[in-house]
């Protein structure tokens, strides 16, 4: 039986009286955002904020048939205290939903339920490929001292997802 669709809340950051903040589009204070690259084995996580619009990789969270390690997600939520969450939604190359789309939507719905925060879904096509290419280029340039692990790719893919959201949300 399919799960009922979770309504997607709208982003409504606090309006402030500081002229520098009020001059920004929407007059919202900067928000800390966590992004997730959902996978059945690992979930990549990245963080960023709406002021700098820069994304940084955090970690990869182990996942299994029973779901993600929610204790690790809980810890990230406590440590970072985000005001918004972004989840990559996997599509096929032709734009149709992939077999993972329903699972990613379920993960996003569970994030909404557990943390009562807005969750945005963003097209993640080719994010892992882009992340892997970035990491290999960094290694070849001498910026990375160790080989690229799968968890590194997942966290870097979460960065790509977050960067896409920053680009598309403004």
N, C-alpha and C. Protein backbone atom coordinates (compact mmCIF):
# COMPACT_ATOMS: atom_id res chain seq x y z
N UNK A 1 0.85 -1.18 0.00
CA UNK A 1 0.00 0.00 0.00
C UNK A 1 0.89 1.24 0.00
N UNK A 2 0.71 2.13 -0.96
CA UNK A 2 1.56 3.32 -1.02
C UNK A 2 1.31 4.24 0.17
N UNK A 3 2.39 4.88 0.59
CA UNK A 3 2.29 5.85 1.68
C UNK A 3 1.62 7.11 1.18
N UNK A 4 0.81 7.77 2.02
CA UNK A 4 0.21 9.03 1.59
C UNK A 4 1.30 10.07 1.40
N UNK A 5 1.11 10.90 0.41
CA UNK A 5 2.08 11.96 0.12
C UNK A 5 2.11 12.96 1.26
N UNK A 6 3.32 13.34 1.65
CA UNK A 6 3.49 14.33 2.70
C UNK A 6 3.38 15.71 2.05
N UNK A 7 2.58 16.60 2.61
CA UNK A 7 2.52 17.95 2.03
C UNK A 7 3.86 18.64 2.20
N UNK A 8 4.27 19.36 1.18
CA UNK A 8 5.54 20.05 1.24
C UNK A 8 5.32 21.45 1.78
N UNK A 9 5.83 21.74 3.00
CA UNK A 9 5.63 23.06 3.57
C UNK A 9 6.42 24.12 2.80
N UNK A 10 6.01 25.34 2.93
CA UNK A 10 6.72 26.42 2.26
C UNK A 10 7.76 27.01 3.21
N UNK A 11 8.80 27.55 2.62
CA UNK A 11 9.85 28.17 3.43
C UNK A 11 9.39 29.56 3.80
N UNK A 12 9.32 29.80 5.09
CA UNK A 12 8.98 31.13 5.57
C UNK A 12 9.91 31.48 6.71
N UNK A 13 11.07 32.00 6.35
CA UNK A 13 12.03 32.38 7.38
C UNK A 13 11.56 33.60 8.13
N UNK A 14 12.15 33.87 9.29
CA UNK A 14 11.72 35.01 10.08
C UNK A 14 12.05 36.32 9.38
N UNK A 15 11.11 37.23 9.36
CA UNK A 15 11.36 38.56 8.84
C UNK A 15 11.95 39.38 9.97
N UNK A 16 12.98 40.13 9.67
CA UNK A 16 13.69 40.87 10.71
C UNK A 16 13.72 42.35 10.35
N UNK A 17 14.07 43.16 11.33
CA UNK A 17 14.11 44.60 11.11
C UNK A 17 15.49 45.09 10.72
N UNK A 18 16.52 44.26 10.80
CA UNK A 18 17.87 44.64 10.39
C UNK A 18 17.83 45.02 8.91
N UNK A 19 18.22 46.25 8.53
CA UNK A 19 18.13 46.67 7.13
C UNK A 19 18.94 45.79 6.19
N UNK A 20 20.09 45.28 6.64
CA UNK A 20 20.90 44.43 5.77
C UNK A 20 20.17 43.13 5.43
N UNK A 21 19.45 42.59 6.41
CA UNK A 21 18.69 41.37 6.17
C UNK A 21 17.42 41.70 5.40
N UNK A 22 16.76 42.76 5.76
CA UNK A 22 15.51 43.14 5.10
C UNK A 22 15.73 43.43 3.62
N UNK A 23 16.94 43.85 3.25
CA UNK A 23 17.23 44.16 1.85
C UNK A 23 17.38 42.90 1.01
N UNK A 24 17.60 41.75 1.63
CA UNK A 24 17.73 40.51 0.88
C UNK A 24 16.38 40.11 0.31
N UNK A 25 16.39 39.34 -0.78
CA UNK A 25 15.12 38.88 -1.34
C UNK A 25 14.30 38.16 -0.28
N UNK A 26 13.07 38.58 -0.11
CA UNK A 26 12.19 37.95 0.87
C UNK A 26 12.37 38.49 2.28
N UNK A 27 13.43 39.25 2.54
CA UNK A 27 13.67 39.82 3.86
C UNK A 27 13.85 38.77 4.94
N UNK A 28 14.39 37.61 4.58
CA UNK A 28 14.55 36.53 5.55
C UNK A 28 15.96 36.51 6.13
N UNK A 29 16.03 36.10 7.37
CA UNK A 29 17.32 35.90 8.01
C UNK A 29 17.98 34.67 7.37
N UNK A 30 19.31 34.60 7.37
CA UNK A 30 19.98 33.43 6.81
C UNK A 30 19.52 32.15 7.50
N UNK A 31 19.44 31.08 6.73
CA UNK A 31 19.02 29.79 7.27
C UNK A 31 20.15 28.79 7.12
N UNK A 32 20.33 27.94 8.12
CA UNK A 32 21.26 26.82 8.03
C UNK A 32 20.50 25.67 7.40
N UNK A 33 21.09 25.05 6.40
CA UNK A 33 20.43 24.00 5.64
C UNK A 33 21.28 22.73 5.68
N UNK A 34 20.64 21.58 5.92
CA UNK A 34 21.29 20.29 5.76
C UNK A 34 20.71 19.65 4.51
N UNK A 35 21.59 19.05 3.70
CA UNK A 35 21.17 18.37 2.48
C UNK A 35 21.53 16.90 2.58
N UNK A 36 20.68 16.07 1.98
CA UNK A 36 20.85 14.62 2.04
C UNK A 36 20.84 14.03 0.64
N UNK A 37 21.82 13.17 0.36
CA UNK A 37 21.85 12.37 -0.85
C UNK A 37 21.42 10.97 -0.43
N UNK A 38 20.14 10.67 -0.59
CA UNK A 38 19.57 9.42 -0.09
C UNK A 38 20.03 8.24 -0.92
N UNK A 39 20.42 7.18 -0.22
CA UNK A 39 20.78 5.91 -0.85
C UNK A 39 20.40 4.77 0.06
N UNK A 40 20.28 3.59 -0.51
CA UNK A 40 19.88 2.42 0.30
C UNK A 40 21.00 1.93 1.20
N UNK A 41 22.26 2.19 0.84
CA UNK A 41 23.39 1.76 1.68
C UNK A 41 23.96 2.90 2.52
N UNK A 42 24.00 4.09 1.93
CA UNK A 42 24.55 5.26 2.60
C UNK A 42 23.74 6.49 2.23
N UNK A 43 23.75 7.45 3.13
CA UNK A 43 23.10 8.74 2.88
C UNK A 43 24.16 9.81 3.09
N UNK A 44 24.50 10.52 2.03
CA UNK A 44 25.47 11.60 2.15
C UNK A 44 24.82 12.82 2.76
N UNK A 45 25.59 13.56 3.55
CA UNK A 45 25.06 14.75 4.22
C UNK A 45 26.02 15.92 3.99
N UNK A 46 25.43 17.08 3.72
CA UNK A 46 26.20 18.32 3.57
C UNK A 46 25.46 19.44 4.28
N UNK A 47 26.17 20.50 4.60
CA UNK A 47 25.53 21.65 5.24
C UNK A 47 25.92 22.92 4.49
N UNK A 48 25.12 23.93 4.69
CA UNK A 48 25.39 25.22 4.09
C UNK A 48 24.41 26.23 4.66
N UNK A 49 24.56 27.47 4.26
CA UNK A 49 23.61 28.48 4.71
C UNK A 49 23.21 29.35 3.54
N UNK A 50 22.05 29.96 3.69
CA UNK A 50 21.49 30.74 2.59
C UNK A 50 22.19 32.09 2.40
N UNK A 51 23.05 32.48 3.32
CA UNK A 51 23.79 33.73 3.15
C UNK A 51 25.01 33.50 2.26
N UNK A 52 25.87 32.56 2.63
CA UNK A 52 27.07 32.30 1.84
C UNK A 52 26.77 31.46 0.60
N UNK A 53 25.71 30.66 0.68
CA UNK A 53 25.30 29.77 -0.40
C UNK A 53 26.42 28.81 -0.78
N UNK A 54 27.22 28.45 0.20
CA UNK A 54 28.29 27.48 0.01
C UNK A 54 27.92 26.21 0.74
N UNK A 55 28.29 25.09 0.15
CA UNK A 55 27.99 23.79 0.75
C UNK A 55 29.28 23.10 1.16
N UNK A 56 29.23 22.40 2.30
CA UNK A 56 30.38 21.65 2.80
C UNK A 56 29.94 20.24 3.13
N UNK A 57 30.75 19.24 2.75
CA UNK A 57 30.38 17.86 3.06
C UNK A 57 30.51 17.59 4.56
N UNK A 58 29.60 16.79 5.11
CA UNK A 58 29.69 16.42 6.52
C UNK A 58 30.08 14.96 6.68
N UNK A 59 29.22 14.06 6.21
CA UNK A 59 29.49 12.65 6.44
C UNK A 59 28.60 11.79 5.57
N UNK A 60 28.82 10.49 5.70
CA UNK A 60 27.92 9.51 5.12
C UNK A 60 27.30 8.74 6.27
N UNK A 61 26.00 8.54 6.19
CA UNK A 61 25.27 7.82 7.23
C UNK A 61 24.95 6.43 6.70
N UNK A 62 25.25 5.42 7.48
CA UNK A 62 24.93 4.05 7.07
C UNK A 62 23.42 3.87 7.00
N UNK A 63 23.00 3.10 6.01
CA UNK A 63 21.59 2.79 5.85
C UNK A 63 21.48 1.32 5.49
N UNK A 64 20.35 0.74 5.78
CA UNK A 64 20.14 -0.69 5.49
C UNK A 64 18.69 -0.89 5.09
N UNK A 65 18.29 -2.14 4.96
CA UNK A 65 16.90 -2.46 4.59
C UNK A 65 15.92 -1.93 5.63
N UNK A 66 16.37 -1.77 6.87
CA UNK A 66 15.49 -1.26 7.93
C UNK A 66 15.48 0.27 7.96
N UNK A 67 16.31 0.90 7.13
CA UNK A 67 16.33 2.36 7.07
C UNK A 67 17.63 2.94 7.55
N UNK A 68 17.69 4.27 7.57
CA UNK A 68 18.93 4.94 7.97
C UNK A 68 19.17 4.84 9.47
N UNK A 69 20.38 5.12 9.87
CA UNK A 69 20.73 5.20 11.29
C UNK A 69 20.17 6.51 11.82
N UNK A 70 18.94 6.46 12.34
CA UNK A 70 18.29 7.68 12.80
C UNK A 70 19.01 8.30 13.99
N UNK A 71 19.74 7.50 14.77
CA UNK A 71 20.50 8.07 15.88
C UNK A 71 21.58 9.02 15.36
N UNK A 72 22.17 8.69 14.20
CA UNK A 72 23.19 9.56 13.61
C UNK A 72 22.52 10.82 13.05
N UNK A 73 21.37 10.66 12.40
CA UNK A 73 20.64 11.82 11.90
C UNK A 73 20.24 12.73 13.07
N UNK A 74 19.75 12.12 14.16
CA UNK A 74 19.38 12.89 15.36
C UNK A 74 20.57 13.71 15.86
N UNK A 75 21.74 13.09 15.88
CA UNK A 75 22.94 13.78 16.35
C UNK A 75 23.29 14.96 15.44
N UNK A 76 23.21 14.76 14.13
CA UNK A 76 23.47 15.86 13.20
C UNK A 76 22.47 17.00 13.40
N UNK A 77 21.22 16.64 13.60
CA UNK A 77 20.19 17.67 13.80
C UNK A 77 20.46 18.47 15.09
N UNK A 78 20.87 17.78 16.16
CA UNK A 78 21.19 18.47 17.41
C UNK A 78 22.42 19.36 17.24
N UNK A 79 23.45 18.84 16.58
CA UNK A 79 24.70 19.57 16.44
C UNK A 79 24.56 20.80 15.54
N UNK A 80 23.86 20.66 14.43
CA UNK A 80 23.78 21.74 13.43
C UNK A 80 22.55 22.62 13.58
N UNK A 81 21.48 22.12 14.14
CA UNK A 81 20.23 22.85 14.33
C UNK A 81 19.79 23.59 13.06
N UNK A 82 19.59 22.84 11.97
CA UNK A 82 19.17 23.48 10.72
C UNK A 82 17.74 24.00 10.81
N UNK A 83 17.42 24.91 9.92
CA UNK A 83 16.05 25.42 9.83
C UNK A 83 15.35 24.91 8.57
N UNK A 84 16.10 24.22 7.72
CA UNK A 84 15.57 23.70 6.46
C UNK A 84 16.36 22.47 6.06
N UNK A 85 15.68 21.51 5.43
CA UNK A 85 16.33 20.29 4.95
C UNK A 85 16.07 20.15 3.46
N UNK A 86 17.08 19.64 2.74
CA UNK A 86 16.96 19.41 1.30
C UNK A 86 17.31 17.95 1.04
N UNK A 87 16.49 17.28 0.25
CA UNK A 87 16.72 15.88 -0.10
C UNK A 87 16.78 15.76 -1.61
N UNK A 88 17.80 15.07 -2.10
CA UNK A 88 17.91 14.83 -3.53
C UNK A 88 16.87 13.82 -3.98
N UNK A 89 16.18 14.14 -5.07
CA UNK A 89 15.16 13.25 -5.62
C UNK A 89 15.72 12.65 -6.91
N UNK A 90 15.92 11.33 -6.91
CA UNK A 90 16.52 10.70 -8.09
C UNK A 90 15.52 10.53 -9.23
N UNK A 91 15.91 11.04 -10.38
CA UNK A 91 15.14 10.88 -11.61
C UNK A 91 15.98 10.09 -12.60
N UNK A 92 15.32 9.48 -13.58
CA UNK A 92 16.01 8.85 -14.69
C UNK A 92 16.51 9.95 -15.63
N UNK A 93 17.39 9.57 -16.55
CA UNK A 93 17.96 10.53 -17.49
C UNK A 93 16.88 11.25 -18.29
N UNK A 94 15.76 10.57 -18.57
CA UNK A 94 14.69 11.19 -19.36
C UNK A 94 13.75 12.06 -18.53
N UNK A 95 14.02 12.20 -17.24
CA UNK A 95 13.20 13.04 -16.37
C UNK A 95 12.09 12.31 -15.65
N UNK A 96 11.91 11.03 -15.96
CA UNK A 96 10.89 10.25 -15.25
C UNK A 96 11.43 9.84 -13.88
N UNK A 97 10.52 9.52 -12.98
CA UNK A 97 10.96 9.11 -11.64
C UNK A 97 11.62 7.74 -11.72
N UNK A 98 12.66 7.57 -10.91
CA UNK A 98 13.40 6.31 -10.87
C UNK A 98 12.80 5.40 -9.80
N UNK A 99 13.33 4.21 -9.72
CA UNK A 99 12.90 3.27 -8.69
C UNK A 99 13.22 3.77 -7.29
N UNK A 100 14.20 4.65 -7.16
CA UNK A 100 14.59 5.19 -5.85
C UNK A 100 13.76 6.40 -5.45
N UNK A 101 13.01 6.96 -6.38
CA UNK A 101 12.26 8.20 -6.09
C UNK A 101 11.30 8.02 -4.92
N UNK A 102 10.56 6.92 -4.92
CA UNK A 102 9.60 6.69 -3.83
C UNK A 102 10.31 6.57 -2.49
N UNK A 103 11.44 5.89 -2.47
CA UNK A 103 12.20 5.74 -1.21
C UNK A 103 12.73 7.10 -0.73
N UNK A 104 13.22 7.91 -1.67
CA UNK A 104 13.72 9.24 -1.29
C UNK A 104 12.58 10.12 -0.77
N UNK A 105 11.41 10.02 -1.40
CA UNK A 105 10.24 10.76 -0.91
C UNK A 105 9.84 10.28 0.49
N UNK A 106 9.91 8.98 0.70
CA UNK A 106 9.61 8.44 2.03
C UNK A 106 10.57 8.94 3.08
N UNK A 107 11.85 9.00 2.73
CA UNK A 107 12.87 9.54 3.64
C UNK A 107 12.57 11.01 3.95
N UNK A 108 12.24 11.78 2.92
CA UNK A 108 11.91 13.20 3.11
C UNK A 108 10.69 13.35 4.01
N UNK A 109 9.69 12.50 3.80
CA UNK A 109 8.50 12.55 4.65
C UNK A 109 8.81 12.22 6.09
N UNK A 110 9.70 11.26 6.29
CA UNK A 110 10.08 10.89 7.66
C UNK A 110 10.87 12.01 8.32
N UNK A 111 11.71 12.71 7.56
CA UNK A 111 12.42 13.87 8.11
C UNK A 111 11.42 14.92 8.57
N UNK A 112 10.40 15.18 7.75
CA UNK A 112 9.36 16.16 8.10
C UNK A 112 8.66 15.74 9.38
N UNK A 113 8.31 14.47 9.47
CA UNK A 113 7.59 13.96 10.63
C UNK A 113 8.43 14.03 11.90
N UNK A 114 9.68 13.63 11.81
CA UNK A 114 10.55 13.56 12.98
C UNK A 114 10.99 14.93 13.49
N UNK A 115 11.27 15.85 12.57
CA UNK A 115 11.92 17.09 12.97
C UNK A 115 11.06 18.34 12.78
N UNK A 116 9.90 18.20 12.21
CA UNK A 116 8.96 19.31 12.02
C UNK A 116 9.64 20.51 11.35
N UNK A 117 10.45 20.21 10.34
CA UNK A 117 11.13 21.25 9.57
C UNK A 117 10.69 21.17 8.11
N UNK A 118 10.78 22.29 7.40
CA UNK A 118 10.49 22.24 5.96
C UNK A 118 11.52 21.36 5.26
N UNK A 119 11.06 20.55 4.34
CA UNK A 119 11.93 19.69 3.54
C UNK A 119 11.67 20.00 2.07
N UNK A 120 12.72 20.28 1.34
CA UNK A 120 12.62 20.54 -0.09
C UNK A 120 13.23 19.38 -0.85
N UNK A 121 12.61 19.01 -1.95
CA UNK A 121 13.14 17.98 -2.84
C UNK A 121 13.75 18.66 -4.05
N UNK A 122 14.91 18.17 -4.49
CA UNK A 122 15.60 18.77 -5.63
C UNK A 122 16.11 17.66 -6.54
N UNK A 123 16.02 17.88 -7.83
CA UNK A 123 16.50 16.92 -8.82
C UNK A 123 17.98 16.64 -8.57
N UNK A 124 18.31 15.37 -8.39
CA UNK A 124 19.70 15.03 -8.09
C UNK A 124 20.39 14.29 -9.23
N UNK A 125 19.80 14.30 -10.41
CA UNK A 125 20.40 13.57 -11.53
C UNK A 125 21.88 13.91 -11.69
N UNK A 126 22.69 12.86 -11.77
CA UNK A 126 24.13 12.94 -12.01
C UNK A 126 24.91 13.61 -10.89
N UNK A 127 24.30 13.81 -9.72
CA UNK A 127 25.03 14.47 -8.62
C UNK A 127 26.19 13.61 -8.14
N UNK A 128 26.01 12.30 -8.07
CA UNK A 128 27.11 11.43 -7.62
C UNK A 128 28.24 11.41 -8.63
N UNK A 129 27.92 11.41 -9.90
CA UNK A 129 28.94 11.44 -10.94
C UNK A 129 29.72 12.76 -10.89
N UNK A 130 29.00 13.87 -10.73
CA UNK A 130 29.65 15.17 -10.60
C UNK A 130 30.53 15.21 -9.36
N UNK A 131 30.04 14.67 -8.25
CA UNK A 131 30.81 14.65 -7.00
C UNK A 131 32.08 13.82 -7.15
N UNK A 132 31.95 12.66 -7.75
CA UNK A 132 33.11 11.79 -7.93
C UNK A 132 34.16 12.45 -8.81
N UNK A 133 33.72 13.11 -9.85
CA UNK A 133 34.65 13.83 -10.74
C UNK A 133 35.37 14.93 -9.98
N UNK A 134 34.64 15.70 -9.18
CA UNK A 134 35.26 16.76 -8.38
C UNK A 134 36.33 16.19 -7.45
N UNK A 135 35.98 15.11 -6.74
CA UNK A 135 36.91 14.53 -5.77
C UNK A 135 38.16 13.97 -6.44
N UNK A 136 37.99 13.31 -7.57
CA UNK A 136 39.14 12.77 -8.29
C UNK A 136 40.04 13.89 -8.81
N UNK A 137 39.43 14.97 -9.26
CA UNK A 137 40.21 16.13 -9.72
C UNK A 137 41.00 16.73 -8.56
N UNK A 138 40.37 16.83 -7.39
CA UNK A 138 41.07 17.33 -6.20
C UNK A 138 42.25 16.43 -5.85
N UNK A 139 42.06 15.14 -5.94
CA UNK A 139 43.14 14.20 -5.61
C UNK A 139 44.29 14.34 -6.61
N UNK A 140 43.96 14.43 -7.89
CA UNK A 140 45.00 14.59 -8.92
C UNK A 140 45.76 15.90 -8.75
N UNK A 141 45.09 16.92 -8.25
CA UNK A 141 45.74 18.22 -8.04
C UNK A 141 46.51 18.26 -6.72
N UNK A 142 46.46 17.19 -5.95
CA UNK A 142 47.17 17.14 -4.68
C UNK A 142 46.41 17.75 -3.52
N UNK A 143 45.14 18.09 -3.71
CA UNK A 143 44.34 18.69 -2.65
C UNK A 143 43.76 17.65 -1.70
N UNK A 144 43.71 16.41 -2.13
CA UNK A 144 43.24 15.29 -1.30
C UNK A 144 44.40 14.32 -1.14
N UNK A 145 44.67 13.92 0.08
CA UNK A 145 45.81 13.05 0.32
C UNK A 145 45.45 11.56 0.28
N UNK A 146 44.19 11.24 0.44
CA UNK A 146 43.81 9.83 0.43
C UNK A 146 42.88 9.56 -0.74
N UNK A 147 42.73 8.27 -1.03
CA UNK A 147 41.86 7.93 -2.16
C UNK A 147 40.42 8.25 -1.82
N UNK A 148 39.61 8.33 -2.83
CA UNK A 148 38.21 8.72 -2.67
C UNK A 148 37.39 7.51 -2.24
N UNK A 149 36.76 7.61 -1.05
CA UNK A 149 35.90 6.54 -0.54
C UNK A 149 34.46 6.80 -0.95
N UNK A 150 33.64 5.76 -0.93
CA UNK A 150 32.23 5.90 -1.32
C UNK A 150 31.49 6.90 -0.43
N UNK A 151 31.80 6.90 0.87
CA UNK A 151 31.14 7.85 1.78
C UNK A 151 31.52 9.29 1.43
N UNK A 152 32.77 9.49 0.94
CA UNK A 152 33.19 10.83 0.51
C UNK A 152 32.37 11.28 -0.70
N UNK A 153 32.13 10.36 -1.62
CA UNK A 153 31.34 10.67 -2.82
C UNK A 153 29.91 11.03 -2.41
N UNK A 154 29.34 10.27 -1.48
CA UNK A 154 27.96 10.54 -1.04
C UNK A 154 27.85 11.92 -0.39
N UNK A 155 28.80 12.27 0.47
CA UNK A 155 28.77 13.58 1.13
C UNK A 155 28.99 14.70 0.10
N UNK A 156 29.89 14.46 -0.88
CA UNK A 156 30.11 15.45 -1.93
C UNK A 156 28.88 15.58 -2.83
N UNK A 157 28.18 14.47 -3.06
CA UNK A 157 26.94 14.52 -3.85
C UNK A 157 25.88 15.34 -3.11
N UNK A 158 25.85 15.25 -1.78
CA UNK A 158 24.93 16.08 -0.99
C UNK A 158 25.29 17.56 -1.17
N UNK A 159 26.57 17.87 -1.31
CA UNK A 159 27.00 19.25 -1.59
C UNK A 159 26.45 19.71 -2.94
N UNK A 160 26.56 18.85 -3.95
CA UNK A 160 26.06 19.18 -5.28
C UNK A 160 24.55 19.45 -5.20
N UNK A 161 23.84 18.61 -4.49
CA UNK A 161 22.39 18.77 -4.32
C UNK A 161 22.08 20.10 -3.66
N UNK A 162 22.81 20.43 -2.60
CA UNK A 162 22.57 21.68 -1.89
C UNK A 162 22.90 22.89 -2.78
N UNK A 163 24.00 22.81 -3.52
CA UNK A 163 24.36 23.90 -4.43
C UNK A 163 23.27 24.10 -5.48
N UNK A 164 22.70 23.02 -5.98
CA UNK A 164 21.61 23.13 -6.96
C UNK A 164 20.40 23.81 -6.32
N UNK A 165 20.11 23.44 -5.09
CA UNK A 165 18.96 24.05 -4.41
C UNK A 165 19.21 25.55 -4.23
N UNK A 166 20.43 25.92 -3.82
CA UNK A 166 20.74 27.35 -3.66
C UNK A 166 20.52 28.08 -5.00
N UNK A 167 20.96 27.49 -6.09
CA UNK A 167 20.83 28.11 -7.41
C UNK A 167 19.37 28.24 -7.82
N UNK A 168 18.58 27.19 -7.58
CA UNK A 168 17.19 27.18 -8.03
C UNK A 168 16.24 27.92 -7.09
N UNK A 169 16.64 28.14 -5.85
CA UNK A 169 15.73 28.74 -4.88
C UNK A 169 15.77 30.26 -4.87
N UNK A 170 16.69 30.85 -5.61
CA UNK A 170 16.74 32.32 -5.64
C UNK A 170 16.67 32.86 -7.04
